[in-house]
């Protein structure tokens, strides 16, 4: 995997690029001026970041794995230490499917009805491969979504969710908070 140089990333016009952030040269970026990427975060090959008016904010030490997409008119936030496995799709807007309106972005807005709602993944959230996260979802700190799940409602802190639609199936350890503290203390010494 080849990553863009810091200069190449700056030339794309991002709102903010953090220290040692890495972006694949095969990722697709739309509306870079509304996208922030934090320190030590990494966006892999074939990812799509398409920021609408709400923008996309990626915290520090976030990983977005291959073929994942962050798309929509609402705001998308991936807080520190969160992780998207491969082929995760996050949507912060969607069309009205009732048939009362037309759909798709090639149709003028007066003929469509697009709903938008922010999506927030708090610190230490992990989303398994192939999972879809719908508009308006908040995944609280440390929650986890299993592979191939549909997340259409909020997920509680340190809960493990799976299925279509996803339901809580267990609890996740909060030991990772201690590990985060150790990691950040070590980094301060460097």
Foldseek 3Di string as FASTA:
>chain_A
DDWDDPVVLVVVQACEEEAPETERPQEAEAPRPQEYAYACEYEDHQEYEHEACQGEYEYHCEYEEANEYEDENHYEYHYAAEYEYYNEYEYQKDWDPPPQADDDPVDDPVRTDMDGAYEAEYHQEYEEANEYEYHNEYEDACEYEYHNEYHDYYHDHQFYWYDDPIDTDGGHDPCVVVVVVVVVVVVVVD
